[in-house]
Every structure is written in structure tokens, then in C-alpha cells.
Amino acid sequence: MNRRSAARHQFPSLWQAFLAQGRVIFALIMREIHTRYGRENIGFLWVIGEPILFCAGVAIVWTAIRPSYEHGVQMTAMVVTGYVPLTMWRHTMGRAVKAYEVNSSLLFHQLVTPLDIILARTILEVVGTILAGAIVLGGAVGFGYMKAPADWGLVYGGMGFITFFCVGFSLVIAALTELSDLLEKAMGIISYLSIPWTGTFFMIDWMPAHYRWILEDTSPMANSIEMIRAGVFGLDVVPHYSIFFLFVSCMLLLIIGLYMTKRIRPYIKLS
């Protein structure tokens, strides 16, 4: 074996390293599923079943107690398009809290990094919520409680930005809660108080004009949900969202999260 072949064998290419970390993340996802849901009853199907119960339950209650239409749009569609992204955000955030501490034993494995741990947890929640949302949406359309989306491209784009935001937000929260026990305890309260900031149950156009900037210029969640609703309702609504703001804010959040994740390992208490 010559020197070049020996070096190639010792130092894998970027693609080989990428595939290796992909296998690590997949293994962590499977471990998370087995640890969380076990092998009894429906097992891993709870990854989808749990978000379905949240999303469908809220949609059914709101459909039962509210008028069929408000501001000219179907109330069931409003709830589905808002609560599915909210569920994704809250679930990914909840699984990010103290994620490193509860999985610290995994870091004894050379190939496992803090980034792998948080990505595995986040991907599991994102995939489960998206599948659950698709089932709830299909059911609502099938039973006639909402119309099929007018523009699927905007729906996919909005969900893509929601996922982008959730990944970056999870990275930041995982690092911050590892550094602060107080923040860990406060995250439940913060998530509830932040619901108006997400624009889950109303559209920005329904707000007084001089307050709209609060969500338009500060909330990636609200912008993403507006994009989804623009795809679902079409010309029936006046959406307020900026693709430029969404891309810049989500990218900035991701960069900050990756930096914090890179620096967090010395602060993780290994058990």
C-alpha cells in the first residue's frame, strides 16, 4: 500500500464521513424510538400517533365550538394549518431541553457527537409531526371540513421553513438549557406565553395595521404559517410573509445553534 492509499484509508473523504454520521444519526433515531415507545402495542407508530392526537383533538374541539367560517375562511383549516406547525415547534423544543444531559452516556462512543444527539431527536419529531399533519389534513379534506390546498408549493415551502426554524431553535435551546437549570424549568411557561407570537390561531392581516410588524419582522413561525395559509386558502386571504426574512432569520439561528453546539461539550456532565 503506497502513502497516498494509506492516507486515504486513514482519513476518509468528506462523503464517507457524511455517510458515517448519517448512519450514526439513524442508529440514534432507532434507539430513541425503542427507548421512548418500546416494542409493545403499536410501538414506533406512536411517533405519528402522538402528534395526531394533539392536532386532530384540537381541530375537532375548535370545529365543534366555533363557527364554520370566520373572516371568510374555514375554521377547521385555520386550526390545522396553525396547530401542526405549533406542535412541531413545541415537540422539538421539548425534546431539546437537557437533551445532552439525558444522553450523555452516548458521548463515550467516539463517533457520537452532541450534534448527532440533537439532530436525531429533532428529525424524529419533525418527521412524526409532518406525517401526522398529512393524515389530519387528508382526513379534514376527505370529510369536507376544509378544501384541498390551492397551491401545494407554498404549503411545502412553509413547512420547509418551519422545519428549518425548528432545527436551529432546537440547537440553541439544547445548548442553553445545558448551561442553565433555571431556563430548563422555565421552558414550559415560555412555550405557552409564546403562542401569540407564533400566529397559530389568527392571521396577521386580522391584527391592527400598526401592530403587524411585531409578527412580520420578528417571528419566523408566523411568517411560515402565513406562507402555508397562503397555499391553503389562495386568494381568499391576504398573507403577510417574507421569504427573505425567513431565510435570513432561520439561517442565522442555525449558524448560532451550530456554534453553540460545537462549544457545549465541555459543559456536558458525563454519566
Protein backbone atom coordinates (compact mmCIF):
# COMPACT_ATOMS: atom_id res chain seq x y z
CA MET A 1 0.00 0.00 0.00
CA ASN A 2 1.57 3.35 -1.05
CA ARG A 3 1.44 6.53 1.00
CA ARG A 4 -1.50 8.00 -0.90
CA SER A 5 -3.60 4.86 -0.41
CA ALA A 6 -2.61 4.70 3.26
CA ALA A 7 -3.60 8.34 3.77
CA ARG A 8 -6.93 7.73 2.01
CA HIS A 9 -7.57 4.74 4.26
CA GLN A 10 -6.67 6.69 7.40
CA PHE A 11 -8.55 9.87 6.52
CA PRO A 12 -11.95 9.15 4.91
CA SER A 13 -13.32 11.51 2.29
CA LEU A 14 -15.95 14.11 3.15
CA TRP A 15 -18.64 11.93 1.55
CA GLN A 16 -17.57 8.87 3.57
CA ALA A 17 -17.58 10.91 6.78
CA PHE A 18 -21.03 12.25 5.89
CA LEU A 19 -22.39 8.73 5.33
CA ALA A 20 -20.84 7.53 8.59
CA GLN A 21 -22.50 10.31 10.58
CA GLY A 22 -25.76 9.63 8.77
CA ARG A 23 -25.64 6.03 9.98
CA VAL A 24 -24.91 7.26 13.50
CA ILE A 25 -27.92 9.60 13.45
CA PHE A 26 -30.16 6.84 12.08
CA ALA A 27 -28.99 4.50 14.85
CA LEU A 28 -29.71 7.19 17.46
CA ILE A 29 -33.20 7.71 15.99
CA MET A 30 -33.95 3.98 16.26
CA ARG A 31 -32.60 3.95 19.80
CA GLU A 32 -34.78 6.94 20.69
CA ILE A 33 -37.87 5.20 19.29
CA HIS A 34 -37.22 1.99 21.23
CA THR A 35 -36.36 3.86 24.42
CA ARG A 36 -39.37 6.15 24.26
CA TYR A 37 -42.07 3.85 22.90
CA GLY A 38 -40.74 0.35 23.48
CA ARG A 39 -41.69 -2.67 21.42
CA GLU A 40 -45.15 -3.29 22.90
CA ASN A 41 -48.54 -2.38 21.42
CA ILE A 42 -48.11 -0.11 18.36
CA GLY A 43 -44.53 0.78 19.29
CA PHE A 44 -42.90 3.18 16.85
CA LEU A 45 -46.26 4.17 15.37
CA TRP A 46 -46.66 6.45 18.40
CA VAL A 47 -44.16 8.71 16.63
CA ILE A 48 -47.10 9.59 14.36
CA GLY A 49 -49.95 8.73 16.73
CA GLU A 50 -48.99 11.21 19.45
CA PRO A 51 -48.97 14.30 17.15
CA ILE A 52 -52.20 13.07 15.52
CA LEU A 53 -53.93 13.05 18.90
CA PHE A 54 -52.79 16.61 19.58
CA CYS A 55 -53.59 18.04 16.14
CA ALA A 56 -56.82 16.15 15.47
CA GLY A 57 -58.07 16.69 19.02
CA VAL A 58 -57.66 20.47 18.87
CA ALA A 59 -59.13 20.61 15.34
CA ILE A 60 -62.21 18.62 16.42
CA VAL A 61 -62.83 20.78 19.50
CA TRP A 62 -62.43 24.05 17.61
CA THR A 63 -64.67 22.80 14.80
CA ALA A 64 -67.35 21.88 17.34
CA ILE A 65 -67.34 25.11 19.38
CA ARG A 66 -66.55 27.77 16.77
CA PRO A 67 -68.48 28.94 13.68
CA SER A 68 -67.65 27.13 10.44
CA TYR A 69 -66.26 30.34 8.93
CA GLU A 70 -64.53 33.35 10.47
CA HIS A 71 -63.17 36.27 8.45
CA GLY A 72 -64.27 34.35 5.36
CA VAL A 73 -62.07 31.28 5.95
CA GLN A 74 -62.87 27.79 7.25
CA MET A 75 -62.12 27.49 10.94
CA THR A 76 -61.02 23.84 10.68
CA ALA A 77 -58.42 24.79 8.07
CA MET A 78 -57.21 27.65 10.28
CA VAL A 79 -56.64 25.29 13.18
CA VAL A 80 -54.95 22.56 11.12
CA THR A 81 -52.61 24.98 9.34
CA GLY A 82 -51.65 26.60 12.64
CA TYR A 83 -51.55 23.76 15.12
CA VAL A 84 -49.47 21.34 13.06
CA PRO A 85 -46.51 23.79 12.89
CA LEU A 86 -47.04 24.71 16.54
CA THR A 87 -46.93 21.02 17.51
CA MET A 88 -43.70 20.56 15.58
CA TRP A 89 -42.10 23.57 17.29
CA ARG A 90 -43.20 22.64 20.80
CA HIS A 91 -42.25 18.97 20.44
CA THR A 92 -38.80 19.68 19.00
CA MET A 93 -38.24 22.29 21.69
CA GLY A 94 -39.38 19.92 24.43
CA ARG A 95 -37.05 17.15 23.25
CA ALA A 96 -34.16 19.61 23.04
CA VAL A 97 -34.36 20.59 26.71
CA LYS A 98 -31.49 18.85 28.56
CA ALA A 99 -31.05 16.53 25.57
CA TYR A 100 -27.31 16.27 26.17
CA GLU A 101 -27.58 15.51 29.87
CA VAL A 102 -30.04 12.63 29.46
CA ASN A 103 -27.98 11.17 26.61
CA SER A 104 -24.52 11.94 27.97
CA SER A 105 -23.54 8.25 28.15
CA LEU A 106 -23.69 8.11 24.34
CA LEU A 107 -20.81 10.55 24.10
CA PHE A 108 -18.40 7.84 25.27
CA HIS A 109 -18.70 6.48 21.72
CA GLN A 110 -16.11 8.13 19.52
CA LEU A 111 -18.43 8.69 16.55
CA VAL A 112 -21.31 10.21 18.55
CA THR A 113 -21.29 13.99 18.91
CA PRO A 114 -23.70 16.43 20.62
CA LEU A 115 -24.88 17.47 17.15
CA ASP A 116 -25.84 13.87 16.34
CA ILE A 117 -27.88 13.62 19.54
CA ILE A 118 -29.93 16.73 18.97
CA LEU A 119 -30.39 16.09 15.24
CA ALA A 120 -31.69 12.58 15.93
CA ARG A 121 -34.26 13.87 18.40
CA THR A 122 -35.29 16.78 16.17
CA ILE A 123 -35.59 14.69 13.00
CA LEU A 124 -37.79 12.17 14.81
CA GLU A 125 -40.19 14.89 15.97
CA VAL A 126 -40.22 16.66 12.60
CA VAL A 127 -40.97 13.50 10.62
CA GLY A 128 -43.64 12.38 13.08
CA THR A 129 -45.39 15.76 13.03
CA ILE A 130 -45.28 16.09 9.23
CA LEU A 131 -46.79 12.61 8.77
CA ALA A 132 -49.42 13.32 11.42
CA GLY A 133 -50.24 16.65 9.79
CA ALA A 134 -50.64 14.99 6.40
CA ILE A 135 -53.07 12.44 7.88
CA VAL A 136 -55.09 15.12 9.71
CA LEU A 137 -55.17 17.30 6.58
CA GLY A 138 -56.28 14.35 4.45
CA GLY A 139 -58.99 13.47 6.94
CA ALA A 140 -60.29 17.05 7.13
CA VAL A 141 -60.39 17.34 3.33
CA GLY A 142 -61.92 13.88 2.94
CA PHE A 143 -64.75 14.61 5.39
CA GLY A 144 -65.41 18.00 3.83
CA TYR A 145 -64.30 20.20 6.74
CA MET A 146 -61.74 22.01 4.58
CA LYS A 147 -60.85 22.36 0.93
CA ALA A 148 -57.72 20.96 -0.67
CA PRO A 149 -54.85 23.50 -0.75
CA ALA A 150 -54.91 25.93 -3.65
CA ASP A 151 -51.10 25.97 -4.03
CA TRP A 152 -49.14 22.97 -2.74
CA GLY A 153 -45.83 24.71 -3.47
CA LEU A 154 -46.48 27.37 -0.81
CA VAL A 155 -47.60 24.68 1.66
CA TYR A 156 -44.37 22.72 1.11
CA GLY A 157 -42.30 25.91 1.29
CA GLY A 158 -43.92 26.99 4.56
CA MET A 159 -43.40 23.58 6.14
CA GLY A 160 -39.81 23.62 4.91
CA PHE A 161 -39.14 26.92 6.66
CA ILE A 162 -40.89 25.65 9.82
CA THR A 163 -38.55 22.65 9.80
CA PHE A 164 -35.55 24.91 9.16
CA PHE A 165 -36.56 27.10 12.10
CA CYS A 166 -37.21 24.16 14.43
CA VAL A 167 -33.78 22.62 13.76
CA GLY A 168 -31.95 25.86 14.52
CA PHE A 169 -34.13 26.62 17.55
CA SER A 170 -33.56 23.13 18.96
CA LEU A 171 -29.78 23.51 18.68
CA VAL A 172 -29.91 26.78 20.60
CA ILE A 173 -32.29 25.53 23.30
CA ALA A 174 -30.32 22.30 23.83
CA ALA A 175 -27.16 24.30 24.49
CA LEU A 176 -28.81 26.97 26.66
CA THR A 177 -30.66 24.50 28.88
CA GLU A 178 -27.44 22.56 29.36
CA LEU A 179 -25.92 25.75 30.77
CA SER A 180 -28.92 26.91 32.82
CA ASP A 181 -31.17 24.84 35.06
CA LEU A 182 -33.43 27.88 35.52
CA LEU A 183 -34.11 28.04 31.78
CA GLU A 184 -34.92 24.34 31.79
CA LYS A 185 -37.65 24.90 34.37
CA ALA A 186 -38.97 27.98 32.55
CA MET A 187 -39.25 26.46 29.07
CA GLY A 188 -42.78 25.12 29.65
CA ILE A 189 -44.04 28.56 30.64
CA ILE A 190 -42.15 30.26 27.83
CA SER A 191 -43.65 27.91 25.24
CA TYR A 192 -47.20 28.77 26.36
CA LEU A 193 -46.59 32.52 26.57
CA SER A 194 -45.05 32.44 23.09
CA ILE A 195 -48.17 31.06 21.36
CA PRO A 196 -49.48 34.54 20.34
CA TRP A 197 -46.04 35.26 18.81
CA THR A 198 -46.42 32.24 16.52
CA GLY A 199 -49.64 33.39 14.86
CA THR A 200 -51.15 29.94 15.27
CA PHE A 201 -54.82 30.81 15.70
CA PHE A 202 -55.12 34.03 13.69
CA MET A 203 -53.73 35.70 10.59
CA ILE A 204 -51.50 38.75 10.65
CA ASP A 205 -53.97 40.63 8.43
CA TRP A 206 -56.58 40.38 11.19
CA MET A 207 -54.36 42.43 13.53
CA PRO A 208 -54.45 46.24 13.67
CA ALA A 209 -52.12 47.55 10.96
CA HIS A 210 -49.75 49.32 13.38
CA TYR A 211 -49.11 46.06 15.29
CA ARG A 212 -48.48 43.74 12.35
CA TRP A 213 -44.75 44.47 12.28
CA ILE A 214 -44.38 42.59 15.58
CA LEU A 215 -45.01 39.27 13.83
CA GLU A 216 -43.90 40.24 10.32
CA ASP A 217 -40.42 41.38 11.40
CA THR A 218 -39.70 39.19 14.45
CA SER A 219 -41.44 35.83 14.07
CA PRO A 220 -40.21 33.18 11.60
CA MET A 221 -43.02 30.95 12.88
CA ALA A 222 -45.74 33.47 12.00
CA ASN A 223 -44.21 34.11 8.56
CA SER A 224 -44.05 30.37 7.84
CA ILE A 225 -47.64 29.78 8.93
CA GLU A 226 -48.78 32.71 6.78
CA MET A 227 -47.00 31.09 3.83
CA ILE A 228 -48.76 27.79 4.49
CA ARG A 229 -52.13 29.53 4.73
CA ALA A 230 -51.48 31.39 1.51
CA GLY A 231 -51.09 27.99 -0.12
CA VAL A 232 -54.18 26.53 1.55
CA PHE A 233 -56.61 29.45 1.13
CA GLY A 234 -55.30 31.02 -2.06
CA LEU A 235 -56.97 34.31 -2.96
CA ASP A 236 -59.38 34.10 -0.01
CA VAL A 237 -56.80 35.63 2.35
CA VAL A 238 -54.20 38.40 2.39
CA PRO A 239 -50.98 36.76 3.68
CA HIS A 240 -48.07 38.64 5.21
CA TYR A 241 -44.75 36.84 4.89
CA SER A 242 -41.25 37.46 3.59
CA ILE A 243 -39.14 34.67 2.10
CA PHE A 244 -36.05 36.86 2.53
CA PHE A 245 -36.76 37.35 6.24
CA LEU A 246 -37.48 33.64 6.68
CA PHE A 247 -34.25 32.54 5.01
CA VAL A 248 -32.02 35.07 6.80
CA SER A 249 -33.53 34.56 10.27
CA CYS A 250 -33.54 30.75 10.03
CA MET A 251 -30.00 30.65 8.64
CA LEU A 252 -28.75 32.98 11.37
CA LEU A 253 -30.43 30.85 14.03
CA LEU A 254 -28.89 27.70 12.55
CA ILE A 255 -25.40 29.22 12.50
CA ILE A 256 -25.73 30.34 16.12
CA GLY A 257 -27.04 26.90 17.08
CA LEU A 258 -24.19 25.08 15.34
CA TYR A 259 -21.62 27.34 17.01
CA MET A 260 -23.14 26.77 20.45
CA THR A 261 -23.35 23.02 19.83
CA LYS A 262 -19.68 22.92 18.90
CA ARG A 263 -18.74 24.69 22.15
CA ILE A 264 -21.09 22.87 24.53
CA ARG A 265 -19.27 19.56 25.00
CA PRO A 266 -17.00 20.69 27.93
CA TYR A 267 -20.14 21.69 29.86
CA ILE A 268 -21.92 18.34 29.49
CA LYS A 269 -21.79 16.20 32.63
CA LEU A 270 -20.94 12.69 31.50
CA SER A 271 -22.66 9.89 33.39
